[in-house]
Each structure stands twice: as structure tokens, then as C-alpha cells.
N, C-alpha and C. Protein backbone atom coordinates (compact mmCIF):
# COMPACT_ATOMS: atom_id res chain seq x y z
N MET A 1 52.49 60.58 96.89
CA MET A 1 52.80 59.63 98.11
C MET A 1 53.62 58.24 97.20
N ASP A 2 55.00 57.81 97.18
CA ASP A 2 55.33 56.84 96.72
C ASP A 2 54.19 55.87 96.39
N LYS A 3 54.77 55.09 95.32
CA LYS A 3 53.77 53.78 95.37
C LYS A 3 54.51 52.16 95.88
N ILE A 4 53.55 52.10 96.42
CA ILE A 4 54.02 50.17 97.36
C ILE A 4 53.95 49.64 96.15
N ILE A 5 55.25 48.53 96.10
CA ILE A 5 55.19 47.21 94.91
C ILE A 5 56.23 46.41 95.52
N ILE A 6 55.05 45.24 95.86
CA ILE A 6 56.12 43.83 96.49
C ILE A 6 55.80 43.46 95.26
N ASN A 7 57.60 43.03 95.22
CA ASN A 7 57.06 41.59 93.58
C ASN A 7 58.89 40.62 94.48
N LYS A 8 58.94 39.57 93.91
CA LYS A 8 59.56 38.13 93.89
C LYS A 8 60.29 38.64 92.80
N ILE A 9 61.78 38.41 93.03
CA ILE A 9 62.87 39.48 91.98
C ILE A 9 63.56 37.97 91.66
N VAL A 10 63.92 37.96 90.45
CA VAL A 10 64.80 36.63 90.02
C VAL A 10 66.15 37.19 89.89
N SER A 11 66.55 37.87 89.06
CA SER A 11 67.39 38.94 88.95
C SER A 11 67.93 39.94 90.10
N PRO A 12 68.58 39.76 90.67
CA PRO A 12 68.89 41.31 91.93
C PRO A 12 69.59 41.77 91.25
N THR A 13 69.74 43.28 91.60
CA THR A 13 70.37 44.25 91.31
C THR A 13 72.01 44.70 92.68
N LYS A 14 72.63 44.53 92.40
CA LYS A 14 73.97 45.26 93.64
C LYS A 14 73.33 45.52 94.80
N GLU A 15 72.56 46.85 94.34
CA GLU A 15 72.14 47.23 95.19
C GLU A 15 71.12 46.76 96.70
N ILE A 16 69.77 45.36 95.68
CA ILE A 16 69.36 44.83 96.63
C ILE A 16 69.34 43.57 96.98
N LEU A 17 70.74 42.97 96.39
CA LEU A 17 71.50 41.82 97.00
C LEU A 17 72.02 42.94 98.60
N ASP A 18 72.96 43.56 97.88
CA ASP A 18 73.47 44.35 99.68
C ASP A 18 72.66 44.52 100.31
N ILE A 19 71.86 45.74 100.50
CA ILE A 19 70.48 45.33 101.15
C ILE A 19 70.13 44.29 102.11
N THR A 20 69.44 43.25 101.41
CA THR A 20 69.21 42.39 101.81
C THR A 20 70.07 41.04 102.20
N THR A 21 71.13 41.77 101.90
CA THR A 21 72.02 40.43 102.96
C THR A 21 72.76 40.99 103.65
N LYS A 22 72.75 42.44 104.07
CA LYS A 22 73.01 43.45 105.49
C LYS A 22 72.00 43.02 106.35
N TRP A 23 70.13 43.02 106.23
CA TRP A 23 69.37 42.37 106.75
C TRP A 23 69.36 41.74 107.42
N MET A 24 69.59 40.12 106.46
CA MET A 24 69.98 39.10 107.32
C MET A 24 70.93 38.71 108.13
N TYR A 25 72.59 39.72 107.51
CA TYR A 25 73.72 39.30 108.40
C TYR A 25 73.60 39.67 109.25
N GLU A 26 72.74 41.04 110.09
CA GLU A 26 73.04 41.67 110.85
C GLU A 26 71.66 41.23 111.91
N TRP A 27 70.49 40.37 111.88
CA TRP A 27 69.72 39.81 112.31
C TRP A 27 69.93 38.39 112.34
N TRP A 28 69.77 37.60 111.60
CA TRP A 28 70.45 35.89 112.08
C TRP A 28 72.23 35.80 111.23
N GLY A 29 72.74 36.19 111.50
CA GLY A 29 73.98 35.71 110.38
C GLY A 29 74.87 36.50 111.50
N VAL A 30 75.08 37.02 112.69
CA VAL A 30 75.88 37.32 113.05
C VAL A 30 75.64 36.70 114.22
N GLU A 31 75.07 36.87 115.02
CA GLU A 31 74.16 35.33 116.19
C GLU A 31 74.66 33.70 116.15
N ASP A 32 74.25 33.57 114.37
CA ASP A 32 74.33 32.44 114.64
C ASP A 32 75.79 32.14 113.82
N LYS A 33 76.50 32.72 113.86
CA LYS A 33 78.09 33.20 113.85
C LYS A 33 78.56 32.50 111.97
N TYR A 34 77.42 33.16 111.21
CA TYR A 34 78.34 32.81 110.09
C TYR A 34 78.90 34.25 108.96
N LYS A 35 79.45 33.65 108.99
CA LYS A 35 80.16 34.94 107.73
C LYS A 35 79.15 35.69 106.68
N TYR A 36 79.76 37.06 106.11
CA TYR A 36 78.95 37.43 106.06
C TYR A 36 79.08 37.17 104.29
N ASP A 37 79.93 36.51 103.76
CA ASP A 37 79.99 36.53 102.07
C ASP A 37 79.05 35.26 102.01
N ASP A 38 79.15 33.75 102.68
CA ASP A 38 77.83 33.05 103.43
C ASP A 38 76.50 34.02 102.65
N VAL A 39 75.79 34.63 104.23
CA VAL A 39 74.91 35.05 104.33
C VAL A 39 74.52 35.62 102.14
N TYR A 40 75.71 36.34 102.32
CA TYR A 40 75.84 37.63 100.36
C TYR A 40 75.26 35.94 99.37
N THR A 41 76.12 34.98 99.32
CA THR A 41 75.75 34.21 99.16
C THR A 41 74.63 32.79 99.02
N TYR A 42 73.80 33.16 100.27
CA TYR A 42 72.95 32.61 100.70
C TYR A 42 71.55 33.31 99.87
N MET A 43 72.11 34.45 100.40
CA MET A 43 70.32 36.05 99.54
C MET A 43 70.23 35.37 98.08
N LYS A 44 71.88 35.85 97.18
CA LYS A 44 72.07 35.38 96.14
C LYS A 44 71.25 34.33 95.21
N ASN A 45 71.27 33.30 95.99
CA ASN A 45 70.89 32.04 95.24
C ASN A 45 68.98 31.72 95.57
N SER A 46 68.67 32.43 97.25
CA SER A 46 67.37 32.55 97.10
C SER A 46 66.35 34.09 95.70
N PHE A 47 67.13 34.35 95.13
CA PHE A 47 66.34 35.13 94.21
C PHE A 47 66.31 34.42 92.77
N ASN A 48 65.19 33.47 92.72
CA ASN A 48 64.83 32.68 91.76
C ASN A 48 63.61 32.64 91.06
N LYS A 49 63.23 31.62 90.19
CA LYS A 49 62.35 31.54 90.13
C LYS A 49 61.21 30.20 90.14
N GLU A 50 61.85 29.90 90.47
CA GLU A 50 61.44 27.75 90.07
C GLU A 50 61.87 27.17 91.06
N ARG A 51 62.87 27.45 92.23
CA ARG A 51 62.68 26.77 93.44
C ARG A 51 62.36 27.32 94.83
N LEU A 52 62.55 26.69 96.10
CA LEU A 52 62.52 27.60 96.99
C LEU A 52 64.16 27.36 97.61
N PRO A 53 64.62 28.37 98.43
CA PRO A 53 63.94 29.88 98.80
C PRO A 53 63.51 30.75 97.44
N GLN A 54 62.26 31.69 98.38
CA GLN A 54 62.28 32.58 97.44
C GLN A 54 61.94 33.86 98.18
N THR A 55 63.13 34.96 97.84
CA THR A 55 62.12 36.76 98.41
C THR A 55 61.92 37.19 97.06
N PHE A 56 60.62 38.31 98.55
CA PHE A 56 60.01 38.46 97.86
C PHE A 56 60.49 40.22 98.34
N ILE A 57 60.60 40.89 97.66
CA ILE A 57 61.11 42.73 98.13
C ILE A 57 59.62 43.33 98.30
N MET A 58 59.70 44.48 99.22
CA MET A 58 58.45 45.70 99.25
C MET A 58 59.84 46.77 99.04
N CYS A 59 59.09 47.75 98.13
CA CYS A 59 59.51 48.93 97.87
C CYS A 59 58.78 50.19 98.02
N LEU A 60 58.75 51.11 98.46
CA LEU A 60 58.29 52.49 98.73
C LEU A 60 58.64 53.12 97.45
N GLY A 61 57.85 53.55 96.03
CA GLY A 61 59.31 54.14 95.01
C GLY A 61 59.98 53.72 95.00
N ASP A 62 61.37 53.90 95.50
CA ASP A 62 62.76 53.81 94.53
C ASP A 62 63.18 52.76 95.46
N LYS A 63 62.78 53.07 96.41
CA LYS A 63 63.61 52.51 98.11
C LYS A 63 62.81 50.80 98.58
N ILE A 64 63.55 49.92 98.76
CA ILE A 64 63.74 49.04 99.27
C ILE A 64 63.32 48.69 100.73
N ILE A 65 62.08 48.59 101.07
CA ILE A 65 61.94 49.27 102.68
C ILE A 65 61.89 47.75 103.45
N GLY A 66 61.16 46.49 102.48
CA GLY A 66 61.05 45.25 103.45
C GLY A 66 61.66 44.31 102.84
N MET A 67 61.13 43.09 103.13
CA MET A 67 61.48 41.65 102.37
C MET A 67 60.77 40.10 103.50
N TYR A 68 60.50 39.26 102.79
CA TYR A 68 60.20 37.87 103.55
C TYR A 68 60.73 37.12 102.37
N GLN A 69 60.41 35.84 102.52
CA GLN A 69 61.10 34.92 101.83
C GLN A 69 60.08 34.04 102.45
N ILE A 70 59.68 32.67 101.42
CA ILE A 70 58.69 31.43 101.28
C ILE A 70 60.04 30.36 101.03
N THR A 71 60.43 29.56 102.20
CA THR A 71 61.38 28.53 101.86
C THR A 71 60.86 27.28 102.71
N TYR A 72 61.45 26.14 102.43
CA TYR A 72 61.43 24.77 102.37
C TYR A 72 61.95 24.41 104.12
N ARG A 73 62.13 25.41 104.82
CA ARG A 73 62.74 25.39 105.99
C ARG A 73 63.32 26.29 106.76
N ASP A 74 62.28 26.16 108.31
CA ASP A 74 62.72 27.22 108.62
C ASP A 74 63.08 26.83 110.76
N LEU A 75 61.86 25.80 111.09
CA LEU A 75 61.65 25.69 112.15
C LEU A 75 62.74 23.81 112.58
N PHE A 76 63.22 23.46 112.39
CA PHE A 76 64.34 22.46 112.50
C PHE A 76 63.93 21.32 113.36
N ILE A 77 63.18 21.45 114.77
CA ILE A 77 62.16 20.40 115.59
C ILE A 77 60.84 19.72 114.53
N ARG A 78 60.96 20.15 113.50
CA ARG A 78 59.82 20.25 112.15
C ARG A 78 59.61 20.28 110.90
N PRO A 79 60.93 19.21 110.66
CA PRO A 79 60.44 18.75 109.04
C PRO A 79 59.89 18.49 108.93
N ASP A 80 58.66 17.79 108.76
CA ASP A 80 57.54 17.59 108.59
C ASP A 80 56.75 18.49 108.02
N ILE A 81 56.77 19.39 108.44
CA ILE A 81 55.89 20.44 107.25
C ILE A 81 56.70 21.60 106.80
N TYR A 82 55.94 22.11 105.66
CA TYR A 82 56.56 23.20 105.03
C TYR A 82 55.79 23.48 103.76
N PRO A 83 55.63 24.87 103.55
CA PRO A 83 56.87 25.51 103.16
C PRO A 83 56.58 26.28 103.99
N TRP A 84 57.23 27.09 104.16
CA TRP A 84 57.41 28.39 105.71
C TRP A 84 57.20 29.88 105.03
N VAL A 85 57.11 30.82 105.32
CA VAL A 85 57.46 32.55 105.11
C VAL A 85 58.30 31.97 106.72
N ALA A 86 59.33 32.68 106.08
CA ALA A 86 60.14 33.63 106.62
C ALA A 86 60.81 35.25 106.36
N ASN A 87 62.09 35.57 107.43
CA ASN A 87 62.49 36.32 106.95
C ASN A 87 61.69 37.62 106.84
N ILE A 88 60.35 37.69 107.70
CA ILE A 88 60.07 38.71 107.24
C ILE A 88 60.21 40.38 108.32
N TYR A 89 60.49 41.43 107.64
CA TYR A 89 61.51 42.18 107.63
C TYR A 89 61.02 43.45 107.39
N ILE A 90 61.28 44.04 108.15
CA ILE A 90 60.55 45.89 107.91
C ILE A 90 61.65 47.13 107.93
N GLU A 91 62.55 47.42 107.43
CA GLU A 91 63.52 48.55 107.46
C GLU A 91 62.60 49.51 109.57
N LYS A 92 63.84 49.66 110.04
CA LYS A 92 62.58 50.76 110.96
C LYS A 92 62.52 51.23 110.98
N GLU A 93 62.77 52.02 110.22
CA GLU A 93 62.13 54.03 110.03
C GLU A 93 60.57 53.61 109.77
N TYR A 94 59.99 52.57 109.01
CA TYR A 94 59.08 52.73 108.19
C TYR A 94 58.01 51.02 109.21
N ARG A 95 58.41 50.77 110.14
CA ARG A 95 57.67 50.18 111.41
C ARG A 95 56.40 51.27 111.81
N LYS A 96 55.56 50.45 112.63
CA LYS A 96 54.46 50.74 112.87
C LYS A 96 53.94 51.89 112.78
N LYS A 97 53.73 52.26 110.75
CA LYS A 97 53.45 53.03 110.11
C LYS A 97 51.76 52.66 108.56
N GLY A 98 51.46 51.18 108.99
CA GLY A 98 50.96 50.78 108.16
C GLY A 98 51.48 49.24 107.56
N TYR A 99 53.05 50.02 107.15
CA TYR A 99 53.56 49.08 105.77
C TYR A 99 53.90 47.24 106.58
N GLY A 100 54.23 47.08 107.49
CA GLY A 100 54.45 45.64 107.56
C GLY A 100 52.53 45.00 107.32
N LYS A 101 51.74 45.60 107.60
CA LYS A 101 50.44 44.91 107.67
C LYS A 101 50.57 44.65 106.12
N ILE A 102 50.45 45.73 105.18
CA ILE A 102 50.63 45.90 103.35
C ILE A 102 51.12 44.40 103.02
N LEU A 103 52.75 44.47 103.52
CA LEU A 103 53.80 43.49 104.05
C LEU A 103 53.24 42.16 103.80
N ILE A 104 52.97 41.53 105.70
CA ILE A 104 52.10 40.07 105.09
C ILE A 104 50.60 39.99 104.82
N ASP A 105 49.99 41.57 104.69
CA ASP A 105 48.33 40.46 103.38
C ASP A 105 49.26 40.65 102.29
N SER A 106 50.82 40.80 101.50
CA SER A 106 50.94 40.30 100.46
C SER A 106 51.59 38.65 100.29
N ILE A 107 51.26 38.10 101.48
CA ILE A 107 52.13 37.09 101.40
C ILE A 107 51.26 36.18 100.86
N LYS A 108 49.89 35.74 101.16
CA LYS A 108 48.79 34.98 100.85
C LYS A 108 48.91 34.95 99.17
N LYS A 109 48.21 36.37 98.95
CA LYS A 109 48.20 37.09 97.58
C LYS A 109 49.35 36.15 96.55
N GLN A 110 50.90 36.44 96.60
CA GLN A 110 51.94 36.48 96.02
C GLN A 110 52.54 34.56 96.09
N VAL A 111 52.03 34.10 96.98
CA VAL A 111 51.95 32.80 97.63
C VAL A 111 51.18 32.14 96.50
N LYS A 112 49.95 32.67 96.29
CA LYS A 112 48.92 32.11 95.48
C LYS A 112 49.59 32.11 93.98
N ASP A 113 50.22 33.25 94.21
CA ASP A 113 50.75 33.59 92.34
C ASP A 113 51.81 33.20 92.16
N ASN A 114 52.71 32.07 92.82
CA ASN A 114 53.73 32.39 92.06
C ASN A 114 54.92 30.28 92.81
N THR A 115 53.48 30.46 93.38
CA THR A 115 54.39 28.96 93.91
C THR A 115 52.16 28.21 93.98
N SER A 116 52.84 26.92 94.06
CA SER A 116 51.44 26.26 93.86
C SER A 116 50.84 25.26 94.99
N PHE A 117 51.45 26.22 96.73
CA PHE A 117 51.27 25.94 97.93
C PHE A 117 49.78 26.06 98.48
N ASN A 118 49.12 25.55 99.31
CA ASN A 118 47.90 25.84 99.97
C ASN A 118 48.07 25.83 101.03
N THR A 119 49.38 25.97 101.58
CA THR A 119 49.66 25.99 103.67
C THR A 119 50.24 26.78 103.34
N LEU A 120 50.87 27.56 104.41
CA LEU A 120 52.12 27.69 104.16
C LEU A 120 52.51 28.35 106.35
N PHE A 121 52.90 27.80 106.78
CA PHE A 121 53.50 27.72 108.58
C PHE A 121 54.75 29.28 108.75
N LEU A 122 54.68 29.40 109.66
CA LEU A 122 55.61 30.62 110.69
C LEU A 122 55.54 30.29 112.23
N TYR A 123 57.20 30.72 112.21
CA TYR A 123 57.50 30.43 113.12
C TYR A 123 58.00 31.67 113.94
N THR A 124 57.69 32.52 115.02
CA THR A 124 58.02 33.64 115.53
C THR A 124 57.98 33.75 117.37
N SER A 125 58.64 34.67 117.61
CA SER A 125 58.31 35.31 119.13
C SER A 125 57.49 36.41 118.89
N HIS A 126 57.15 36.27 118.58
CA HIS A 126 55.23 37.83 118.28
C HIS A 126 54.26 37.24 119.03
N ASP A 127 53.90 38.03 120.07
CA ASP A 127 51.89 37.93 120.51
C ASP A 127 51.22 38.71 119.42
N ASN A 128 50.95 38.18 119.04
CA ASN A 128 49.21 38.84 118.50
C ASN A 128 48.72 39.82 117.52
N LEU A 129 50.15 38.71 116.66
CA LEU A 129 51.00 40.07 115.47
C LEU A 129 49.53 39.16 114.16
N TYR A 130 50.35 38.32 114.11
CA TYR A 130 50.07 37.73 112.51
C TYR A 130 48.27 36.91 113.33
N GLU A 131 47.53 36.79 114.05
CA GLU A 131 46.06 36.06 113.66
C GLU A 131 45.71 37.20 113.53
N ARG A 132 45.57 38.43 114.00
CA ARG A 132 45.06 39.11 112.77
C ARG A 132 45.19 39.19 111.65
N TYR A 133 45.94 38.88 111.03
CA TYR A 133 46.09 38.71 109.00
C TYR A 133 45.98 37.76 108.53
N GLY A 134 45.19 37.06 109.81
CA GLY A 134 44.26 35.61 109.52
C GLY A 134 45.30 33.92 109.52
N TRP A 135 45.96 34.45 110.30
CA TRP A 135 47.58 32.78 110.53
C TRP A 135 46.21 32.35 111.44
N GLN A 136 46.66 31.01 111.28
CA GLN A 136 46.04 30.13 112.63
C GLN A 136 47.43 29.15 113.85
N TYR A 137 46.78 29.86 115.15
CA TYR A 137 47.74 29.39 115.93
C TYR A 137 47.72 28.35 116.15
N ILE A 138 48.88 26.94 116.08
CA ILE A 138 49.08 25.47 115.70
C ILE A 138 49.96 25.13 117.91
N GLU A 139 51.01 26.12 117.68
CA GLU A 139 51.25 25.84 119.46
C GLU A 139 52.33 26.51 119.64
N THR A 140 52.75 26.65 121.45
CA THR A 140 53.91 26.95 121.53
C THR A 140 55.25 26.12 121.47
N ILE A 141 56.42 26.80 121.20
CA ILE A 141 57.53 26.12 120.97
C ILE A 141 57.94 26.58 121.66
N ASP A 142 59.48 26.32 122.43
CA ASP A 142 60.29 26.42 123.58
C ASP A 142 59.69 27.23 124.72
N ASN A 143 58.96 27.12 125.09
CA ASN A 143 57.84 28.44 125.74
C ASN A 143 57.61 29.76 125.05
N LYS A 144 58.25 29.92 124.40
CA LYS A 144 58.54 31.78 123.74
C LYS A 144 57.80 31.60 122.64
N ASN A 145 58.67 31.13 121.21
CA ASN A 145 57.96 30.98 120.14
C ASN A 145 56.66 30.36 119.61
N LYS A 146 56.20 31.16 118.54
CA LYS A 146 54.60 30.21 118.57
C LYS A 146 54.40 29.91 116.86
N LEU A 147 54.28 28.54 116.58
CA LEU A 147 54.18 28.24 115.27
C LEU A 147 52.69 28.71 115.12
N TYR A 148 52.33 29.13 113.54
CA TYR A 148 51.13 29.48 112.97
C TYR A 148 51.59 28.98 111.33
N LYS A 149 50.20 28.40 110.92
CA LYS A 149 49.15 28.14 109.95
C LYS A 149 49.17 29.19 108.87
N LEU A 150 48.89 29.31 107.92
CA LEU A 150 47.63 29.90 106.83
C LEU A 150 47.46 29.41 105.00
N ASP A 151 46.18 28.80 105.27
CA ASP A 151 45.86 28.51 104.34
C ASP A 151 45.28 29.79 103.02
N ILE A 152 45.91 29.34 101.82
CA ILE A 152 46.10 30.39 100.64
C ILE A 152 44.65 30.02 100.36
N LYS A 153 44.24 29.33 99.60
CA LYS A 153 43.26 29.02 99.51
C LYS A 153 42.01 30.45 98.69
């Protein structure tokens, strides 16, 4: 079986940048009417060492199968809380095979090793998913999305 690696990438290859940009563009770029080039630029600037956003990718052997980001802003109506984990993504063919759990479980370690933050926030429409991984429910927003927090200590 291929080894699973989750890394913060500082200098992405063109392949990594193309794959993650495609995911982000198809996921929210089209809906929010962003140009593909704008999403590409956002992704390019999210691969860095010192500041947020920071992008982490999950590889199975040599294949990129998932990602997430740590960012200062995700929920417009809550500018008072940060940082956020956002854009958690697993390629469709790898879903429901345990890779999502590995990716989510890695968040706490990666944030602990790569930032000075003690708490993370998450905004999602998924029901009863993140509680399994230690996230604490805070409130429901707009009658469907849920706000969670995770203590990093």
C-alpha cells in the first residue's frame, strides 16, 4: 500500500498548483463567479511558510488526493474569531475509504507544528461529522450550517 503524507507546501509544483486550483475553482470559484486565474493566484499565494492562508495537501504515494487550508477568514459574519480550517477536500474516488479521517485527524498536529494558534474554527454544512474528531459544536448559522471549534493544546 502507498504511504500517506500530509504536508504544508511552500513552493508548489505546477502539478500541485493546477490540481488544487481546479478543486477550489470547481468547488466555490464558479459559484462565486471568480475567474479561474483569480483562484489560481489565490492558491499560489496560499502556499507559504510565514502567513495565512496556508495550504496542506494529502498525498497517497505520488498522487495528490486531498487538501485543507488554515486561514484568517471563512465566515463573513464572524470576523471576531480565527483562525479557520477551510476548504477540506478529498478526491471523490477516495471518499468513504478512511482518507477523510486521516486528513481531519492531521489538522490538529499540523496546526500545532506549523502555527502558534491554540484554537481553530470550522464552518460546515456536514451533520455529525466533525464531532467524531473532537470538534465542539458552537451554533447553527442560517438554519443549516454549523460552527465548530477545536482546541489544539
